C-alpha atoms as a PDB file:
ATOM      1  CA  UNK A   1       1.609 -14.259  20.891  1.00  0.00           C
ATOM      2  CA  UNK A   2      -1.641 -12.618  21.611  1.00  0.00           C
ATOM      3  CA  UNK A   3      -1.262  -9.780  19.043  1.00  0.00           C
ATOM      4  CA  UNK A   4      -0.980 -12.604  16.230  1.00  0.00           C
ATOM      5  CA  UNK A   5      -4.886 -12.375  15.520  1.00  0.00           C
ATOM      6  CA  UNK A   6      -4.446  -8.430  15.787  1.00  0.00           C
ATOM      7  CA  UNK A   7      -2.141  -8.331  13.952  1.00  0.00           C
ATOM      8  CA  UNK A   8      -3.722 -10.970  10.785  1.00  0.00           C
ATOM      9  CA  UNK A   9      -6.814  -8.806  10.767  1.00  0.00           C
ATOM     10  CA  UNK A  10      -5.458  -4.995  10.562  1.00  0.00           C
ATOM     11  CA  UNK A  11      -2.651  -6.369   8.074  1.00  0.00           C
ATOM     12  CA  UNK A  12      -5.251  -8.272   6.275  1.00  0.00           C
ATOM     13  CA  UNK A  13      -7.581  -5.321   6.008  1.00  0.00           C
ATOM     14  CA  UNK A  14      -4.838  -2.373   5.044  1.00  0.00           C
ATOM     15  CA  UNK A  15      -3.883  -5.326   1.965  1.00  0.00           C
ATOM     16  CA  UNK A  16      -7.493  -4.676   1.102  1.00  0.00           C
ATOM     17  CA  UNK A  17      -6.709  -0.792   0.819  1.00  0.00           C
ATOM     18  CA  UNK A  18      -3.646  -1.168  -1.169  1.00  0.00           C
ATOM     19  CA  UNK A  19      -4.734  -2.497  -3.918  1.00  0.00           C
ATOM     20  CA  UNK A  20      -3.745   1.364  -5.607  1.00  0.00           C
ATOM     21  CA  UNK A  21      -0.419   0.944  -4.429  1.00  0.00           C
ATOM     22  CA  UNK A  22       1.149   0.482  -1.076  1.00  0.00           C
ATOM     23  CA  UNK A  23       1.283   4.528   0.013  1.00  0.00           C
ATOM     24  CA  UNK A  24      -2.948   4.085  -0.048  1.00  0.00           C
ATOM     25  CA  UNK A  25      -2.932   2.644   3.073  1.00  0.00           C
ATOM     26  CA  UNK A  26      -0.253   4.388   5.122  1.00  0.00           C
ATOM     27  CA  UNK A  27      -2.277   7.288   6.777  1.00  0.00           C
ATOM     28  CA  UNK A  28      -4.468   4.353   7.752  1.00  0.00           C
ATOM     29  CA  UNK A  29      -1.704   1.899   9.379  1.00  0.00           C
ATOM     30  CA  UNK A  30      -0.283   4.967  10.792  1.00  0.00           C
ATOM     31  CA  UNK A  31      -3.839   5.026  12.621  1.00  0.00           C
ATOM     32  CA  UNK A  32      -3.923   1.557  13.552  1.00  0.00           C
ATOM     33  CA  UNK A  33      -0.230   0.361  14.364  1.00  0.00           C
ATOM     34  CA  UNK A  34       0.557   3.674  16.185  1.00  0.00           C
ATOM     35  CA  UNK A  35      -2.456   5.326  17.644  1.00  0.00           C
ATOM     36  CA  UNK A  36      -5.147   2.016  18.181  1.00  0.00           C
ATOM     37  CA  UNK A  37      -2.294  -0.586  19.018  1.00  0.00           C
ATOM     38  CA  UNK A  38       0.122   0.650  19.740  1.00  0.00           C
ATOM     39  CA  UNK A  39       2.782  -1.747  18.496  1.00  0.00           C
ATOM     40  CA  UNK A  40       5.209   1.534  17.791  1.00  0.00           C
ATOM     41  CA  UNK A  41       5.347   5.330  17.538  1.00  0.00           C
ATOM     42  CA  UNK A  42       5.041   7.277  15.279  1.00  0.00           C
ATOM     43  CA  UNK A  43       9.151   7.940  14.811  1.00  0.00           C
ATOM     44  CA  UNK A  44       9.666   3.918  14.543  1.00  0.00           C
ATOM     45  CA  UNK A  45       6.697   4.154  11.988  1.00  0.00           C
ATOM     46  CA  UNK A  46       9.132   6.622   9.961  1.00  0.00           C
ATOM     47  CA  UNK A  47      12.004   5.241  10.473  1.00  0.00           C
ATOM     48  CA  UNK A  48      10.842   1.449   9.224  1.00  0.00           C
ATOM     49  CA  UNK A  49       8.865   3.358   6.165  1.00  0.00           C
ATOM     50  CA  UNK A  50      12.371   4.866   5.087  1.00  0.00           C
ATOM     51  CA  UNK A  51      14.163   1.353   5.804  1.00  0.00           C
ATOM     52  CA  UNK A  52      11.371   0.157   3.155  1.00  0.00           C
ATOM     53  CA  UNK A  53      11.480   2.878   0.600  1.00  0.00           C
ATOM     54  CA  UNK A  54      15.323   2.544   0.896  1.00  0.00           C
ATOM     55  CA  UNK A  55      15.854  -1.261   0.387  1.00  0.00           C
ATOM     56  CA  UNK A  56      15.212  -3.022  -2.661  1.00  0.00           C
ATOM     57  CA  UNK A  57      11.833  -4.602  -3.443  1.00  0.00           C
ATOM     58  CA  UNK A  58       8.521  -3.749  -2.464  1.00  0.00           C
ATOM     59  CA  UNK A  59       8.743  -0.592  -0.248  1.00  0.00           C
ATOM     60  CA  UNK A  60       6.091  -2.079   2.295  1.00  0.00           C
ATOM     61  CA  UNK A  61       8.045  -5.180   3.020  1.00  0.00           C
ATOM     62  CA  UNK A  62       8.327  -2.657   5.955  1.00  0.00           C
ATOM     63  CA  UNK A  63       4.976  -4.017   7.200  1.00  0.00           C
ATOM     64  CA  UNK A  64       7.506  -7.140   8.497  1.00  0.00           C
ATOM     65  CA  UNK A  65       9.570  -5.242  10.829  1.00  0.00           C
ATOM     66  CA  UNK A  66       6.155  -4.203  12.316  1.00  0.00           C
ATOM     67  CA  UNK A  67       5.187  -7.591  12.777  1.00  0.00           C
ATOM     68  CA  UNK A  68       8.166  -8.364  13.845  1.00  0.00           C
ATOM     69  CA  UNK A  69       7.902  -5.797  16.930  1.00  0.00           C
ATOM     70  CA  UNK A  70       4.600  -6.516  17.638  1.00  0.00           C
ATOM     71  CA  UNK A  71       4.633 -10.259  17.591  1.00  0.00           C
ATOM     72  CA  UNK A  72       8.264 -11.921  17.620  1.00  0.00           C
ATOM     73  CA  UNK A  73       8.736 -13.803  14.439  1.00  0.00           C
ATOM     74  CA  UNK A  74       5.183 -15.340  14.565  1.00  0.00           C
ATOM     75  CA  UNK A  75       4.092 -11.876  13.978  1.00  0.00           C
ATOM     76  CA  UNK A  76       6.446 -11.206  11.022  1.00  0.00           C
ATOM     77  CA  UNK A  77       5.075 -14.053   9.315  1.00  0.00           C
ATOM     78  CA  UNK A  78       1.183 -13.503  10.350  1.00  0.00           C
ATOM     79  CA  UNK A  79       1.906  -9.656   8.796  1.00  0.00           C
ATOM     80  CA  UNK A  80       3.611 -10.896   5.596  1.00  0.00           C
ATOM     81  CA  UNK A  81       1.174 -13.365   4.726  1.00  0.00           C
ATOM     82  CA  UNK A  82      -1.845 -11.226   5.927  1.00  0.00           C
ATOM     83  CA  UNK A  83      -0.496  -8.480   3.846  1.00  0.00           C
ATOM     84  CA  UNK A  84       0.323 -10.003   0.175  1.00  0.00           C
ATOM     85  CA  UNK A  85      -2.238 -12.871   0.553  1.00  0.00           C
ATOM     86  CA  UNK A  86      -5.270 -11.210   0.354  1.00  0.00           C
ATOM     87  CA  UNK A  87      -3.862  -8.873  -2.845  1.00  0.00           C
ATOM     88  CA  UNK A  88      -2.770 -11.624  -4.568  1.00  0.00           C
ATOM     89  CA  UNK A  89      -5.236 -14.185  -4.167  1.00  0.00           C
ATOM     90  CA  UNK A  90      -7.340 -10.670  -5.913  1.00  0.00           C
ATOM     91  CA  UNK A  91      -5.197 -10.629  -8.868  1.00  0.00           C
ATOM     92  CA  UNK A  92      -4.944 -14.204  -9.332  1.00  0.00           C
ATOM     93  CA  UNK A  93      -8.463 -14.385  -9.530  1.00  0.00           C
ATOM     94  CA  UNK A  94      -9.249 -11.248 -11.353  1.00  0.00           C
ATOM     95  CA  UNK A  95      -6.078 -12.917 -14.004  1.00  0.00           C
ATOM     96  CA  UNK A  96      -8.398 -15.918 -13.983  1.00  0.00           C
ATOM     97  CA  UNK A  97     -12.124 -14.484 -15.124  1.00  0.00           C
ATOM     98  CA  UNK A  98     -10.113 -12.167 -17.506  1.00  0.00           C
ATOM     99  CA  UNK A  99      -8.235 -15.432 -18.980  1.00  0.00           C
ATOM    100  CA  UNK A 100     -11.837 -16.640 -19.580  1.00  0.00           C
ATOM    101  CA  UNK A 101     -13.315 -13.831 -20.769  1.00  0.00           C
ATOM    102  CA  UNK A 102     -10.794 -14.061 -24.386  1.00  0.00           C
ATOM    103  CA  UNK A 103     -13.429 -14.499 -26.596  1.00  0.00           C
ATOM    104  CA  UNK A 104     -15.628 -11.734 -24.541  1.00  0.00           C
ATOM    105  CA  UNK A 105     -16.676  -9.032 -27.357  1.00  0.00           C
ATOM    106  CA  UNK A 106     -16.500  -6.004 -24.607  1.00  0.00           C
ATOM    107  CA  UNK A 107     -13.136  -7.765 -23.161  1.00  0.00           C
ATOM    108  CA  UNK A 108     -11.634  -5.221 -26.126  1.00  0.00           C
ATOM    109  CA  UNK A 109     -13.275  -2.198 -25.440  1.00  0.00           C
ATOM    110  CA  UNK A 110     -12.976  -2.089 -22.111  1.00  0.00           C
ATOM    111  CA  UNK A 111      -8.910  -2.440 -22.888  1.00  0.00           C
ATOM    112  CA  UNK A 112      -8.940   0.035 -25.054  1.00  0.00           C
ATOM    113  CA  UNK A 113     -10.931   2.284 -22.925  1.00  0.00           C
ATOM    114  CA  UNK A 114      -9.142   1.951 -19.591  1.00  0.00           C
ATOM    115  CA  UNK A 115      -6.000   2.578 -21.547  1.00  0.00           C
ATOM    116  CA  UNK A 116      -6.513   6.371 -21.544  1.00  0.00           C
ATOM    117  CA  UNK A 117      -7.638   6.538 -17.974  1.00  0.00           C
ATOM    118  CA  UNK A 118      -3.844   4.835 -16.851  1.00  0.00           C
ATOM    119  CA  UNK A 119      -2.440   7.217 -18.865  1.00  0.00           C
ATOM    120  CA  UNK A 120      -3.803   9.730 -17.656  1.00  0.00           C
ATOM    121  CA  UNK A 121      -3.657   9.027 -13.418  1.00  0.00           C
ATOM    122  CA  UNK A 122       0.450   8.188 -14.677  1.00  0.00           C
ATOM    123  CA  UNK A 123       0.569  11.802 -15.999  1.00  0.00           C
ATOM    124  CA  UNK A 124      -1.756  13.330 -13.023  1.00  0.00           C
ATOM    125  CA  UNK A 125       0.880  11.587 -10.663  1.00  0.00           C
ATOM    126  CA  UNK A 126       4.016  13.083 -12.468  1.00  0.00           C
ATOM    127  CA  UNK A 127       2.432  16.573 -12.308  1.00  0.00           C
ATOM    128  CA  UNK A 128       1.417  15.776  -8.216  1.00  0.00           C
ATOM    129  CA  UNK A 129       5.054  14.901  -7.686  1.00  0.00           C
ATOM    130  CA  UNK A 130       6.678  17.703 -10.267  1.00  0.00           C
ATOM    131  CA  UNK A 131       4.695  20.507  -8.566  1.00  0.00           C
ATOM    132  CA  UNK A 132       5.727  18.912  -4.585  1.00  0.00           C
ATOM    133  CA  UNK A 133       9.512  19.225  -5.909  1.00  0.00           C
ATOM    134  CA  UNK A 134       9.021  22.606  -7.232  1.00  0.00           C
ATOM    135  CA  UNK A 135      11.043  24.822  -5.229  1.00  0.00           C
ATOM    136  CA  UNK A 136       8.259  27.871  -5.656  1.00  0.00           C
ATOM    137  CA  UNK A 137       5.888  25.442  -3.661  1.00  0.00           C
ATOM    138  CA  UNK A 138       6.458  25.673  -0.218  1.00  0.00           C
ATOM    139  CA  UNK A 139       4.583  23.876   2.807  1.00  0.00           C
ATOM    140  CA  UNK A 140       2.367  25.781   5.097  1.00  0.00           C
ATOM    141  CA  UNK A 141       2.362  23.417   7.885  1.00  0.00           C
ATOM    142  CA  UNK A 142       0.580  20.591   6.394  1.00  0.00           C
ATOM    143  CA  UNK A 143       1.971  17.476   3.921  1.00  0.00           C
ATOM    144  CA  UNK A 144       0.520  19.014   0.849  1.00  0.00           C
ATOM    145  CA  UNK A 145       2.072  21.780  -0.786  1.00  0.00           C
ATOM    146  CA  UNK A 146       0.615  25.442  -1.477  1.00  0.00           C
ATOM    147  CA  UNK A 147       1.040  26.106  -5.105  1.00  0.00           C
END
């Protein structure tokens, strides 16, 4: 029960980091859950992450298991709300503001300007995955392949 406030603080903070995607917060999640709070060890975190990747739905649902491990059922609920709540509220506020600016002349320019950026980021991600999956790439003891 005394872990609930810490769970809320940790997963609210991680929620803000995941605006770019859930995996953006994984290194920080490892530091906070394994090294700082000792809720689980690295092997457990990797196991939960693997299960989250295989299960249908958002892969970051693994945070519910971390909350359950650290604080029981209330911990699982607190982690779920703390992790998904802030980004959901942020998305709602941004969508509402964007809808209000429907007649704003700069809106179309912003949308057209961000389209190539989105496509470029998508292609860069595909290129990175292709290099990681390539048999020519052999990791040299780090997470990044040496190609």
